[in-house]
Amino acid sequence: MLSDQTPADIELSVSTEQVCFIITKARQFEVKDLPVIPDAASNASDDGMASVLESRANDPVAQEIRSFVNAMDEDEQIDLVALTWVGRGDFDMDEWKEAREQAAAAHNERTADYLLGLPLLSEFLEDALSDCGRSCEDEEMGRL
């Protein structure tokens, strides 16, 4: 069933600026690799600072994303998940209402961990913003 709303008419609880922040941080997180240095006693100067490129449980970028998402209100988190699903192709913008309803039904306290577990989160969100007629580039231009 097609909606009467165009993508630009869809009201989001989450701001474009918030989504762009998540996109930026997700890109930083997605480039990390599994730890390959088995010696936990190694220090950063000895291992050529390779540890900053490894994904670890206490990763500061992951912690920053978690803190940011956890600080969002429930509606913002629901919209963020629905946008992710639109960007992933599970829904299109004409199905926004259904995507949001399913995201609301699935909402729990682990939203940040769910999002961090998606390998292409930054791309999904960027694609969804594009589908809404928005972009992080527009957000940057608005600040200049």
N, C-alpha and C. Protein backbone atom coordinates (compact mmCIF):
# COMPACT_ATOMS: atom_id res chain seq x y z
N MET A 1 0.83 -1.18 0.00
CA MET A 1 0.00 0.00 0.00
C MET A 1 0.88 1.25 0.00
N LEU A 2 0.65 2.13 -0.94
CA LEU A 2 1.47 3.33 -1.06
C LEU A 2 0.94 4.44 -0.16
N SER A 3 1.86 5.18 0.39
CA SER A 3 1.52 6.28 1.28
C SER A 3 1.32 7.55 0.46
N ASP A 4 0.52 8.48 1.00
CA ASP A 4 0.34 9.78 0.35
C ASP A 4 1.53 10.69 0.61
N GLN A 5 2.36 10.33 1.58
CA GLN A 5 3.51 11.16 1.94
C GLN A 5 4.67 10.90 0.98
N THR A 6 5.39 11.98 0.68
CA THR A 6 6.63 11.82 -0.05
C THR A 6 7.74 11.67 0.99
N PRO A 7 8.90 11.12 0.60
CA PRO A 7 9.98 10.95 1.58
C PRO A 7 10.34 12.22 2.33
N ALA A 8 10.29 13.36 1.65
CA ALA A 8 10.64 14.63 2.31
C ALA A 8 9.59 15.04 3.34
N ASP A 9 8.35 14.52 3.21
CA ASP A 9 7.28 14.86 4.15
C ASP A 9 7.35 14.06 5.44
N ILE A 10 8.11 13.01 5.47
CA ILE A 10 8.14 12.14 6.63
C ILE A 10 8.85 12.84 7.78
N GLU A 11 8.15 12.92 8.90
CA GLU A 11 8.72 13.54 10.09
C GLU A 11 9.51 12.48 10.86
N LEU A 12 10.74 12.79 11.17
CA LEU A 12 11.57 11.90 11.94
C LEU A 12 11.78 12.47 13.34
N SER A 13 11.75 11.59 14.33
CA SER A 13 12.07 12.01 15.70
C SER A 13 13.56 12.25 15.85
N VAL A 14 14.35 11.48 15.11
CA VAL A 14 15.80 11.61 15.15
C VAL A 14 16.22 12.65 14.11
N SER A 15 17.13 13.53 14.48
CA SER A 15 17.55 14.60 13.57
C SER A 15 18.58 14.07 12.56
N THR A 16 18.68 14.75 11.45
CA THR A 16 19.69 14.41 10.45
C THR A 16 21.08 14.51 11.07
N GLU A 17 21.28 15.50 11.91
CA GLU A 17 22.58 15.68 12.58
C GLU A 17 22.92 14.46 13.45
N GLN A 18 21.95 13.93 14.17
CA GLN A 18 22.18 12.75 14.99
C GLN A 18 22.54 11.54 14.12
N VAL A 19 21.79 11.37 13.04
CA VAL A 19 22.06 10.24 12.14
C VAL A 19 23.45 10.38 11.53
N CYS A 20 23.83 11.57 11.15
CA CYS A 20 25.15 11.80 10.56
C CYS A 20 26.27 11.52 11.58
N PHE A 21 26.03 11.84 12.83
CA PHE A 21 27.01 11.53 13.87
C PHE A 21 27.19 10.01 13.96
N ILE A 22 26.09 9.28 13.96
CA ILE A 22 26.16 7.81 14.02
C ILE A 22 26.88 7.27 12.79
N ILE A 23 26.59 7.83 11.62
CA ILE A 23 27.25 7.39 10.38
C ILE A 23 28.76 7.58 10.50
N THR A 24 29.18 8.75 10.95
CA THR A 24 30.61 9.04 11.09
C THR A 24 31.29 8.08 12.05
N LYS A 25 30.67 7.88 13.20
CA LYS A 25 31.25 6.98 14.21
C LYS A 25 31.21 5.53 13.74
N ALA A 26 30.13 5.14 13.06
CA ALA A 26 30.02 3.76 12.56
C ALA A 26 31.12 3.48 11.54
N ARG A 27 31.44 4.46 10.71
CA ARG A 27 32.55 4.28 9.75
C ARG A 27 33.86 4.03 10.48
N GLN A 28 34.09 4.78 11.53
CA GLN A 28 35.32 4.59 12.32
C GLN A 28 35.34 3.20 12.94
N PHE A 29 34.20 2.74 13.39
CA PHE A 29 34.11 1.42 14.02
C PHE A 29 34.23 0.30 13.00
N GLU A 30 33.62 0.47 11.82
CA GLU A 30 33.58 -0.58 10.81
C GLU A 30 34.95 -0.89 10.20
N VAL A 31 35.88 0.05 10.25
CA VAL A 31 37.20 -0.20 9.67
C VAL A 31 38.10 -1.00 10.59
N LYS A 32 37.66 -1.21 11.80
CA LYS A 32 38.48 -1.95 12.76
C LYS A 32 38.50 -3.43 12.41
N ASP A 33 39.57 -4.10 12.78
CA ASP A 33 39.77 -5.51 12.48
C ASP A 33 39.76 -6.31 13.79
N LEU A 34 39.64 -7.61 13.67
CA LEU A 34 39.72 -8.46 14.84
C LEU A 34 41.12 -8.38 15.43
N PRO A 35 41.25 -8.45 16.74
CA PRO A 35 42.58 -8.38 17.36
C PRO A 35 43.47 -9.52 16.87
N VAL A 36 44.70 -9.17 16.49
CA VAL A 36 45.65 -10.18 16.03
C VAL A 36 46.87 -10.26 16.93
N ILE A 37 46.97 -9.34 17.85
CA ILE A 37 48.11 -9.32 18.75
C ILE A 37 47.73 -10.12 19.99
N PRO A 38 48.28 -11.32 20.14
CA PRO A 38 47.86 -12.17 21.25
C PRO A 38 48.41 -11.75 22.61
N ASP A 39 49.44 -10.95 22.65
CA ASP A 39 50.08 -10.58 23.90
C ASP A 39 49.38 -9.37 24.52
N ALA A 40 48.57 -9.62 25.52
CA ALA A 40 47.83 -8.53 26.17
C ALA A 40 48.77 -7.58 26.91
N ALA A 41 49.98 -8.01 27.20
CA ALA A 41 50.94 -7.17 27.92
C ALA A 41 51.67 -6.20 26.99
N SER A 42 51.46 -6.34 25.70
CA SER A 42 52.12 -5.46 24.74
C SER A 42 51.62 -4.03 24.93
N ASN A 43 52.49 -3.07 24.68
CA ASN A 43 52.03 -1.69 24.76
C ASN A 43 51.95 -1.11 23.35
N ALA A 44 51.23 -0.03 23.22
CA ALA A 44 50.93 0.54 21.91
C ALA A 44 52.17 0.93 21.12
N SER A 45 53.20 1.45 21.80
CA SER A 45 54.40 1.86 21.07
C SER A 45 55.17 0.65 20.52
N ASP A 46 55.11 -0.48 21.23
CA ASP A 46 55.79 -1.69 20.75
C ASP A 46 55.07 -2.35 19.59
N ASP A 47 53.75 -2.24 19.54
CA ASP A 47 53.02 -2.91 18.48
C ASP A 47 52.69 -1.97 17.31
N GLY A 48 53.38 -0.85 17.24
CA GLY A 48 53.18 0.08 16.13
C GLY A 48 51.81 0.73 16.13
N MET A 49 51.20 0.84 17.30
CA MET A 49 49.87 1.44 17.45
C MET A 49 48.78 0.65 16.72
N ALA A 50 49.05 -0.60 16.38
CA ALA A 50 48.08 -1.43 15.67
C ALA A 50 46.81 -1.64 16.47
N SER A 51 46.89 -1.57 17.78
CA SER A 51 45.72 -1.84 18.62
C SER A 51 44.59 -0.84 18.38
N VAL A 52 44.89 0.37 17.90
CA VAL A 52 43.82 1.34 17.65
C VAL A 52 42.98 0.94 16.44
N LEU A 53 43.48 0.02 15.63
CA LEU A 53 42.74 -0.45 14.47
C LEU A 53 42.06 -1.79 14.72
N GLU A 54 42.08 -2.23 15.96
CA GLU A 54 41.47 -3.51 16.29
C GLU A 54 40.19 -3.31 17.08
N SER A 55 39.23 -4.15 16.80
CA SER A 55 37.96 -4.11 17.50
C SER A 55 38.09 -4.88 18.82
N ARG A 56 37.91 -4.19 19.89
CA ARG A 56 38.01 -4.80 21.22
C ARG A 56 36.76 -4.48 22.01
N ALA A 57 36.50 -5.25 23.04
CA ALA A 57 35.30 -5.07 23.85
C ALA A 57 35.20 -3.66 24.44
N ASN A 58 36.32 -3.07 24.79
CA ASN A 58 36.31 -1.73 25.39
C ASN A 58 36.62 -0.64 24.36
N ASP A 59 36.33 -0.89 23.11
CA ASP A 59 36.62 0.04 22.02
C ASP A 59 35.97 1.40 22.30
N PRO A 60 36.76 2.49 22.29
CA PRO A 60 36.19 3.80 22.61
C PRO A 60 35.16 4.28 21.59
N VAL A 61 35.30 3.93 20.33
CA VAL A 61 34.31 4.34 19.33
C VAL A 61 32.99 3.62 19.58
N ALA A 62 33.05 2.33 19.86
CA ALA A 62 31.83 1.57 20.18
C ALA A 62 31.18 2.13 21.44
N GLN A 63 31.99 2.48 22.42
CA GLN A 63 31.44 3.06 23.66
C GLN A 63 30.78 4.40 23.39
N GLU A 64 31.37 5.18 22.48
CA GLU A 64 30.79 6.48 22.14
C GLU A 64 29.45 6.31 21.43
N ILE A 65 29.38 5.35 20.50
CA ILE A 65 28.12 5.08 19.81
C ILE A 65 27.07 4.60 20.81
N ARG A 66 27.46 3.66 21.68
CA ARG A 66 26.52 3.16 22.71
C ARG A 66 25.98 4.30 23.57
N SER A 67 26.87 5.15 24.05
CA SER A 67 26.46 6.27 24.90
C SER A 67 25.52 7.21 24.16
N PHE A 68 25.84 7.49 22.92
CA PHE A 68 25.03 8.41 22.12
C PHE A 68 23.63 7.83 21.89
N VAL A 69 23.58 6.57 21.47
CA VAL A 69 22.28 5.93 21.19
C VAL A 69 21.49 5.77 22.48
N ASN A 70 22.15 5.37 23.55
CA ASN A 70 21.45 5.18 24.82
C ASN A 70 20.91 6.49 25.39
N ALA A 71 21.51 7.62 25.01
CA ALA A 71 21.04 8.92 25.47
C ALA A 71 19.83 9.42 24.66
N MET A 72 19.57 8.78 23.53
CA MET A 72 18.41 9.15 22.71
C MET A 72 17.13 8.70 23.41
N ASP A 73 16.04 9.40 23.12
CA ASP A 73 14.78 8.93 23.67
C ASP A 73 14.26 7.75 22.82
N GLU A 74 13.23 7.10 23.30
CA GLU A 74 12.72 5.89 22.64
C GLU A 74 12.31 6.15 21.19
N ASP A 75 11.63 7.26 20.92
CA ASP A 75 11.19 7.56 19.55
C ASP A 75 12.38 7.75 18.61
N GLU A 76 13.43 8.40 19.10
CA GLU A 76 14.62 8.59 18.27
C GLU A 76 15.28 7.25 17.96
N GLN A 77 15.36 6.38 18.96
CA GLN A 77 15.94 5.05 18.74
C GLN A 77 15.11 4.24 17.74
N ILE A 78 13.79 4.32 17.87
CA ILE A 78 12.90 3.60 16.96
C ILE A 78 13.09 4.09 15.53
N ASP A 79 13.16 5.40 15.35
CA ASP A 79 13.38 5.95 14.01
C ASP A 79 14.74 5.54 13.46
N LEU A 80 15.75 5.50 14.31
CA LEU A 80 17.09 5.11 13.88
C LEU A 80 17.08 3.66 13.37
N VAL A 81 16.42 2.77 14.08
CA VAL A 81 16.33 1.38 13.64
C VAL A 81 15.50 1.28 12.36
N ALA A 82 14.39 1.99 12.30
CA ALA A 82 13.55 1.96 11.08
C ALA A 82 14.34 2.50 9.88
N LEU A 83 15.10 3.56 10.08
CA LEU A 83 15.95 4.09 9.00
C LEU A 83 16.97 3.04 8.56
N THR A 84 17.54 2.35 9.51
CA THR A 84 18.52 1.30 9.19
C THR A 84 17.87 0.23 8.32
N TRP A 85 16.66 -0.16 8.66
CA TRP A 85 15.95 -1.19 7.88
C TRP A 85 15.59 -0.68 6.49
N VAL A 86 15.24 0.60 6.38
CA VAL A 86 14.96 1.18 5.06
C VAL A 86 16.25 1.17 4.23
N GLY A 87 17.34 1.60 4.82
CA GLY A 87 18.62 1.63 4.11
C GLY A 87 19.11 0.25 3.72
N ARG A 88 18.76 -0.75 4.51
CA ARG A 88 19.15 -2.13 4.22
C ARG A 88 18.26 -2.74 3.15
N GLY A 89 17.14 -2.12 2.87
CA GLY A 89 16.25 -2.61 1.82
C GLY A 89 15.10 -3.47 2.33
N ASP A 90 14.96 -3.59 3.65
CA ASP A 90 13.85 -4.35 4.20
C ASP A 90 12.51 -3.65 3.94
N PHE A 91 12.54 -2.34 3.88
CA PHE A 91 11.38 -1.50 3.60
C PHE A 91 11.83 -0.41 2.65
N ASP A 92 10.87 0.24 2.00
CA ASP A 92 11.22 1.47 1.28
C ASP A 92 10.48 2.61 1.97
N MET A 93 10.73 3.82 1.56
CA MET A 93 10.16 4.97 2.26
C MET A 93 8.64 4.99 2.17
N ASP A 94 8.08 4.38 1.14
CA ASP A 94 6.61 4.29 1.06
C ASP A 94 6.05 3.41 2.17
N GLU A 95 6.89 2.59 2.76
CA GLU A 95 6.48 1.69 3.83
C GLU A 95 6.99 2.17 5.20
N TRP A 96 7.26 3.48 5.30
CA TRP A 96 7.83 4.03 6.52
C TRP A 96 7.00 3.68 7.75
N LYS A 97 5.69 3.84 7.64
CA LYS A 97 4.82 3.59 8.78
C LYS A 97 4.99 2.15 9.28
N GLU A 98 5.04 1.19 8.37
CA GLU A 98 5.21 -0.22 8.75
C GLU A 98 6.60 -0.47 9.35
N ALA A 99 7.62 0.15 8.75
CA ALA A 99 8.99 0.00 9.28
C ALA A 99 9.06 0.52 10.70
N ARG A 100 8.45 1.67 10.93
CA ARG A 100 8.48 2.27 12.26
C ARG A 100 7.68 1.44 13.26
N GLU A 101 6.54 0.91 12.83
CA GLU A 101 5.73 0.06 13.72
C GLU A 101 6.51 -1.19 14.12
N GLN A 102 7.19 -1.81 13.18
CA GLN A 102 7.97 -3.01 13.50
C GLN A 102 9.17 -2.67 14.40
N ALA A 103 9.79 -1.53 14.15
CA ALA A 103 10.91 -1.10 14.99
C ALA A 103 10.41 -0.83 16.41
N ALA A 104 9.23 -0.24 16.54
CA ALA A 104 8.66 0.02 17.86
C ALA A 104 8.34 -1.29 18.58
N ALA A 105 7.82 -2.26 17.85
CA ALA A 105 7.48 -3.55 18.45
C ALA A 105 8.74 -4.29 18.90
N ALA A 106 9.83 -4.10 18.19
CA ALA A 106 11.09 -4.80 18.51
C ALA A 106 11.96 -4.02 19.51
N HIS A 107 11.58 -2.79 19.83
CA HIS A 107 12.43 -1.94 20.66
C HIS A 107 12.70 -2.56 22.02
N ASN A 108 13.96 -2.45 22.45
CA ASN A 108 14.36 -2.89 23.79
C ASN A 108 15.58 -2.09 24.21
N GLU A 109 16.19 -2.48 25.30
CA GLU A 109 17.34 -1.74 25.85
C GLU A 109 18.64 -2.02 25.11
N ARG A 110 18.63 -2.88 24.11
CA ARG A 110 19.87 -3.25 23.42
C ARG A 110 19.97 -2.64 22.01
N THR A 111 19.32 -1.52 21.79
CA THR A 111 19.33 -0.88 20.47
C THR A 111 20.75 -0.59 20.01
N ALA A 112 21.57 -0.02 20.86
CA ALA A 112 22.94 0.33 20.48
C ALA A 112 23.73 -0.91 20.09
N ASP A 113 23.61 -1.98 20.88
CA ASP A 113 24.33 -3.22 20.57
C ASP A 113 23.83 -3.83 19.26
N TYR A 114 22.53 -3.76 19.03
CA TYR A 114 21.96 -4.26 17.77
C TYR A 114 22.58 -3.51 16.60
N LEU A 115 22.59 -2.20 16.68
CA LEU A 115 23.12 -1.39 15.58
C LEU A 115 24.61 -1.63 15.38
N LEU A 116 25.36 -1.74 16.47
CA LEU A 116 26.80 -2.00 16.36
C LEU A 116 27.08 -3.37 15.74
N GLY A 117 26.14 -4.28 15.82
CA GLY A 117 26.32 -5.61 15.24
C GLY A 117 26.05 -5.67 13.75
N LEU A 118 25.61 -4.57 13.16
CA LEU A 118 25.34 -4.52 11.72
C LEU A 118 26.59 -4.04 10.99
N PRO A 119 27.20 -4.90 10.17
CA PRO A 119 28.47 -4.55 9.52
C PRO A 119 28.42 -3.35 8.58
N LEU A 120 27.29 -3.05 8.01
CA LEU A 120 27.20 -1.94 7.05
C LEU A 120 26.30 -0.82 7.56
N LEU A 121 26.27 -0.62 8.86
CA LEU A 121 25.38 0.36 9.47
C LEU A 121 25.51 1.73 8.82
N SER A 122 26.73 2.21 8.62
CA SER A 122 26.92 3.55 8.05
C SER A 122 26.30 3.64 6.66
N GLU A 123 26.47 2.62 5.85
CA GLU A 123 25.88 2.63 4.50
C GLU A 123 24.36 2.57 4.55
N PHE A 124 23.83 1.74 5.45
CA PHE A 124 22.37 1.64 5.57
C PHE A 124 21.77 2.99 5.93
N LEU A 125 22.36 3.66 6.91
CA LEU A 125 21.83 4.95 7.34
C LEU A 125 22.00 6.02 6.27
N GLU A 126 23.13 6.00 5.60
CA GLU A 126 23.36 6.98 4.53
C GLU A 126 22.35 6.78 3.39
N ASP A 127 22.11 5.53 3.02
CA ASP A 127 21.12 5.23 1.97
C ASP A 127 19.73 5.67 2.39
N ALA A 128 19.37 5.44 3.65
CA ALA A 128 18.05 5.83 4.13
C ALA A 128 17.89 7.35 4.14
N LEU A 129 18.93 8.06 4.57
CA LEU A 129 18.86 9.52 4.52
C LEU A 129 18.65 10.00 3.10
N SER A 130 19.36 9.39 2.17
CA SER A 130 19.20 9.74 0.76
C SER A 130 17.77 9.50 0.30
N ASP A 131 17.21 8.37 0.73
CA ASP A 131 15.82 8.06 0.38
C ASP A 131 14.85 9.09 0.95
N CYS A 132 15.23 9.74 2.03
CA CYS A 132 14.40 10.77 2.66
C CYS A 132 14.67 12.15 2.06
N GLY A 133 15.59 12.21 1.11
CA GLY A 133 15.93 13.49 0.51
C GLY A 133 16.86 14.31 1.39
N ARG A 134 17.60 13.64 2.28
CA ARG A 134 18.52 14.32 3.18
C ARG A 134 19.91 13.74 3.02
N SER A 135 20.91 14.46 3.51
CA SER A 135 22.27 13.93 3.45
C SER A 135 23.13 14.59 4.52
N CYS A 136 24.22 13.95 4.83
CA CYS A 136 25.17 14.52 5.78
C CYS A 136 25.90 15.70 5.14
N GLU A 137 26.02 15.66 3.84
CA GLU A 137 26.64 16.77 3.11
C GLU A 137 25.81 18.04 3.32
N ASP A 138 24.49 17.90 3.22
CA ASP A 138 23.61 19.05 3.46
C ASP A 138 23.76 19.56 4.88
N GLU A 139 23.90 18.63 5.82
CA GLU A 139 24.08 18.99 7.22
C GLU A 139 25.37 19.78 7.42
N GLU A 140 26.45 19.33 6.77
CA GLU A 140 27.73 20.05 6.86
C GLU A 140 27.63 21.43 6.26
N MET A 141 26.97 21.53 5.10
CA MET A 141 26.84 22.84 4.44
C MET A 141 26.04 23.81 5.30
N GLY A 142 25.09 23.30 6.05
CA GLY A 142 24.29 24.16 6.92
C GLY A 142 25.08 24.75 8.06
N ARG A 143 26.19 24.11 8.42
CA ARG A 143 27.02 24.62 9.52
C ARG A 143 28.06 25.61 9.04
N LEU A 144 28.33 25.66 7.75
CA LEU A 144 29.37 26.56 7.23
C LEU A 144 28.86 27.97 7.04
